Amino acid sequence: MTYYGLSHLDTRKLYLFSITSILSTLIHKYTHNHKNIQNMAIATDKAHCIICGKDKRSYKCGGCLQVFCFNHLVDHKQELSKQFYEIEVNRDLFRQTTDLQKHCNSLSQPGLVG
């Protein structure tokens, strides 16, 4: 069975390539928007924290441009670090899966098994 003239194997390769591209784009956007999580905040005059709504000395996140009080800025940084870690873990699992599939496909090709 073919899909737009592509074999089942070619369709799977195209699908894997698409997923890889999407993950790479997400990681690039995430790291570009939140490059340096340690030094990402810009101090501002008093403003309303987006979380608690209190009028305090505030800090603007350099990635999402939202304003946080110091306590909620720390929470925001921790959440970003957690999300980034999860993206990296999913990327690594995806790479392992695709590498395993490539290995299995190479073993199933005629003439390669002795």
C-alpha atoms as a PDB file:
ATOM      1  CA  MET A   1       0.000   0.000   0.000  1.00  0.00           C
ATOM      2  CA  THR A   2       1.358   3.421  -0.888  1.00  0.00           C
ATOM      3  CA  TYR A   3       0.493   6.892   0.280  1.00  0.00           C
ATOM      4  CA  TYR A   4       0.923   9.502  -2.437  1.00  0.00           C
ATOM      5  CA  GLY A   5       3.390   7.189  -4.135  1.00  0.00           C
ATOM      6  CA  LEU A   6       5.409   6.557  -0.956  1.00  0.00           C
ATOM      7  CA  SER A   7       5.956   3.114   0.466  1.00  0.00           C
ATOM      8  CA  HIS A   8       5.040   2.361   4.082  1.00  0.00           C
ATOM      9  CA  LEU A   9       8.729   2.642   5.081  1.00  0.00           C
ATOM     10  CA  ASP A  10       9.104   5.993   3.277  1.00  0.00           C
ATOM     11  CA  THR A  11       5.950   7.279   4.996  1.00  0.00           C
ATOM     12  CA  ARG A  12       7.365   6.288   8.397  1.00  0.00           C
ATOM     13  CA  LYS A  13      10.670   8.006   7.595  1.00  0.00           C
ATOM     14  CA  LEU A  14       8.819  11.147   6.568  1.00  0.00           C
ATOM     15  CA  TYR A  15       6.777  11.009   9.780  1.00  0.00           C
ATOM     16  CA  LEU A  16       9.901  10.564  11.931  1.00  0.00           C
ATOM     17  CA  PHE A  17      11.618  13.412  10.099  1.00  0.00           C
ATOM     18  CA  SER A  18       8.585  15.642  10.744  1.00  0.00           C
ATOM     19  CA  ILE A  19       8.534  14.804  14.453  1.00  0.00           C
ATOM     20  CA  THR A  20      12.287  15.428  14.713  1.00  0.00           C
ATOM     21  CA  SER A  21      11.888  18.797  13.011  1.00  0.00           C
ATOM     22  CA  ILE A  22       9.056  19.776  15.333  1.00  0.00           C
ATOM     23  CA  LEU A  23      11.052  18.826  18.447  1.00  0.00           C
ATOM     24  CA  SER A  24      14.103  20.712  17.192  1.00  0.00           C
ATOM     25  CA  THR A  25      11.988  23.786  16.498  1.00  0.00           C
ATOM     26  CA  LEU A  26      10.380  23.644  19.960  1.00  0.00           C
ATOM     27  CA  ILE A  27      13.747  23.312  21.679  1.00  0.00           C
ATOM     28  CA  HIS A  28      15.194  26.163  19.615  1.00  0.00           C
ATOM     29  CA  LYS A  29      12.236  28.466  20.358  1.00  0.00           C
ATOM     30  CA  TYR A  30      12.294  27.576  24.034  1.00  0.00           C
ATOM     31  CA  THR A  31      16.022  28.173  24.416  1.00  0.00           C
ATOM     32  CA  HIS A  32      15.854  31.342  22.322  1.00  0.00           C
ATOM     33  CA  ASN A  33      13.011  32.806  24.386  1.00  0.00           C
ATOM     34  CA  HIS A  34      14.507  31.777  27.715  1.00  0.00           C
ATOM     35  CA  LYS A  35      18.228  31.715  26.838  1.00  0.00           C
ATOM     36  CA  ASN A  36      19.755  32.356  30.198  1.00  0.00           C
ATOM     37  CA  ILE A  37      17.301  31.336  32.859  1.00  0.00           C
ATOM     38  CA  GLN A  38      19.699  32.519  35.562  1.00  0.00           C
ATOM     39  CA  ASN A  39      19.837  36.124  34.267  1.00  0.00           C
ATOM     40  CA  MET A  40      16.586  36.439  32.404  1.00  0.00           C
ATOM     41  CA  ALA A  41      14.795  39.040  34.531  1.00  0.00           C
ATOM     42  CA  ILE A  42      14.906  42.786  34.163  1.00  0.00           C
ATOM     43  CA  ALA A  43      14.123  44.820  37.288  1.00  0.00           C
ATOM     44  CA  THR A  44      11.335  47.351  36.858  1.00  0.00           C
ATOM     45  CA  ASP A  45       9.741  49.961  39.067  1.00  0.00           C
ATOM     46  CA  LYS A  46       6.721  48.946  41.085  1.00  0.00           C
ATOM     47  CA  ALA A  47       4.194  47.063  39.014  1.00  0.00           C
ATOM     48  CA  HIS A  48       1.531  44.407  39.495  1.00  0.00           C
ATOM     49  CA  CYS A  49       2.802  40.842  39.697  1.00  0.00           C
ATOM     50  CA  ILE A  50       0.898  38.697  37.206  1.00  0.00           C
ATOM     51  CA  ILE A  51       0.479  35.958  39.853  1.00  0.00           C
ATOM     52  CA  CYS A  52      -0.445  37.735  43.083  1.00  0.00           C
ATOM     53  CA  GLY A  53      -1.484  41.101  41.657  1.00  0.00           C
ATOM     54  CA  LYS A  54       0.376  42.977  44.391  1.00  0.00           C
ATOM     55  CA  ASP A  55       1.980  46.310  43.595  1.00  0.00           C
ATOM     56  CA  LYS A  56       5.638  45.549  44.429  1.00  0.00           C
ATOM     57  CA  ARG A  57       9.060  45.965  42.955  1.00  0.00           C
ATOM     58  CA  SER A  58       8.767  43.743  39.926  1.00  0.00           C
ATOM     59  CA  TYR A  59      10.874  41.865  37.447  1.00  0.00           C
ATOM     60  CA  LYS A  60      10.043  41.298  33.806  1.00  0.00           C
ATOM     61  CA  CYS A  61      10.870  37.878  32.387  1.00  0.00           C
ATOM     62  CA  GLY A  62      13.114  38.292  29.351  1.00  0.00           C
ATOM     63  CA  GLY A  63      11.435  35.362  27.599  1.00  0.00           C
ATOM     64  CA  CYS A  64       7.682  35.700  28.084  1.00  0.00           C
ATOM     65  CA  LEU A  65       7.763  39.425  29.049  1.00  0.00           C
ATOM     66  CA  GLN A  66       5.408  38.880  31.990  1.00  0.00           C
ATOM     67  CA  VAL A  67       5.964  40.821  35.212  1.00  0.00           C
ATOM     68  CA  PHE A  68       6.543  38.985  38.514  1.00  0.00           C
ATOM     69  CA  CYS A  69       7.347  39.938  42.091  1.00  0.00           C
ATOM     70  CA  PHE A  70      10.603  38.399  43.312  1.00  0.00           C
ATOM     71  CA  ASN A  71       8.935  35.393  44.974  1.00  0.00           C
ATOM     72  CA  HIS A  72       6.932  34.515  41.874  1.00  0.00           C
ATOM     73  CA  LEU A  73       9.910  35.157  39.598  1.00  0.00           C
ATOM     74  CA  VAL A  74      11.740  32.386  41.447  1.00  0.00           C
ATOM     75  CA  ASP A  75       8.726  30.092  40.963  1.00  0.00           C
ATOM     76  CA  HIS A  76       8.578  31.021  37.257  1.00  0.00           C
ATOM     77  CA  LYS A  77      12.279  30.235  36.836  1.00  0.00           C
ATOM     78  CA  GLN A  78      11.833  26.843  38.521  1.00  0.00           C
ATOM     79  CA  GLU A  79       8.844  26.035  36.286  1.00  0.00           C
ATOM     80  CA  LEU A  80      10.816  26.961  33.154  1.00  0.00           C
ATOM     81  CA  SER A  81      13.717  24.799  34.268  1.00  0.00           C
ATOM     82  CA  LYS A  82      11.339  21.884  34.864  1.00  0.00           C
ATOM     83  CA  GLN A  83       9.679  22.335  31.446  1.00  0.00           C
ATOM     84  CA  PHE A  84      13.049  22.534  29.703  1.00  0.00           C
ATOM     85  CA  TYR A  85      14.217  19.366  31.444  1.00  0.00           C
ATOM     86  CA  GLU A  86      11.041  17.545  30.339  1.00  0.00           C
ATOM     87  CA  ILE A  87      11.590  18.675  26.737  1.00  0.00           C
ATOM     88  CA  GLU A  88      15.150  17.375  26.830  1.00  0.00           C
ATOM     89  CA  VAL A  89      14.042  14.023  28.293  1.00  0.00           C
ATOM     90  CA  ASN A  90      11.337  13.638  25.611  1.00  0.00           C
ATOM     91  CA  ARG A  91      13.852  14.534  22.898  1.00  0.00           C
ATOM     92  CA  ASP A  92      16.318  11.936  24.215  1.00  0.00           C
ATOM     93  CA  LEU A  93      13.605   9.250  24.405  1.00  0.00           C
ATOM     94  CA  PHE A  94      12.506  10.088  20.873  1.00  0.00           C
ATOM     95  CA  ARG A  95      16.096   9.825  19.592  1.00  0.00           C
ATOM     96  CA  GLN A  96      16.541   6.461  21.316  1.00  0.00           C
ATOM     97  CA  THR A  97      13.294   5.211  19.767  1.00  0.00           C
ATOM     98  CA  THR A  98      14.226   6.350  16.268  1.00  0.00           C
ATOM     99  CA  ASP A  99      17.736   4.876  16.614  1.00  0.00           C
ATOM    100  CA  LEU A 100      16.217   1.547  17.693  1.00  0.00           C
ATOM    101  CA  GLN A 101      13.758   1.632  14.777  1.00  0.00           C
ATOM    102  CA  LYS A 102      16.591   2.382  12.331  1.00  0.00           C
ATOM    103  CA  HIS A 103      18.582  -0.522  13.757  1.00  0.00           C
ATOM    104  CA  CYS A 104      15.602  -2.896  13.510  1.00  0.00           C
ATOM    105  CA  ASN A 105      14.886  -1.737   9.948  1.00  0.00           C
ATOM    106  CA  SER A 106      18.516  -2.326   8.920  1.00  0.00           C
ATOM    107  CA  LEU A 107      18.358  -5.853  10.333  1.00  0.00           C
ATOM    108  CA  SER A 108      15.157  -6.627   8.471  1.00  0.00           C
ATOM    109  CA  GLN A 109      16.551  -5.622   5.056  1.00  0.00           C
ATOM    110  CA  PRO A 110      17.222  -8.621   2.776  1.00  0.00           C
ATOM    111  CA  GLY A 111      20.847  -9.632   2.431  1.00  0.00           C
ATOM    112  CA  LEU A 112      22.004  -8.099   5.708  1.00  0.00           C
ATOM    113  CA  VAL A 113      21.183 -11.054   7.935  1.00  0.00           C
ATOM    114  CA  GLY A 114      23.847 -13.752   7.700  1.00  0.00           C
END
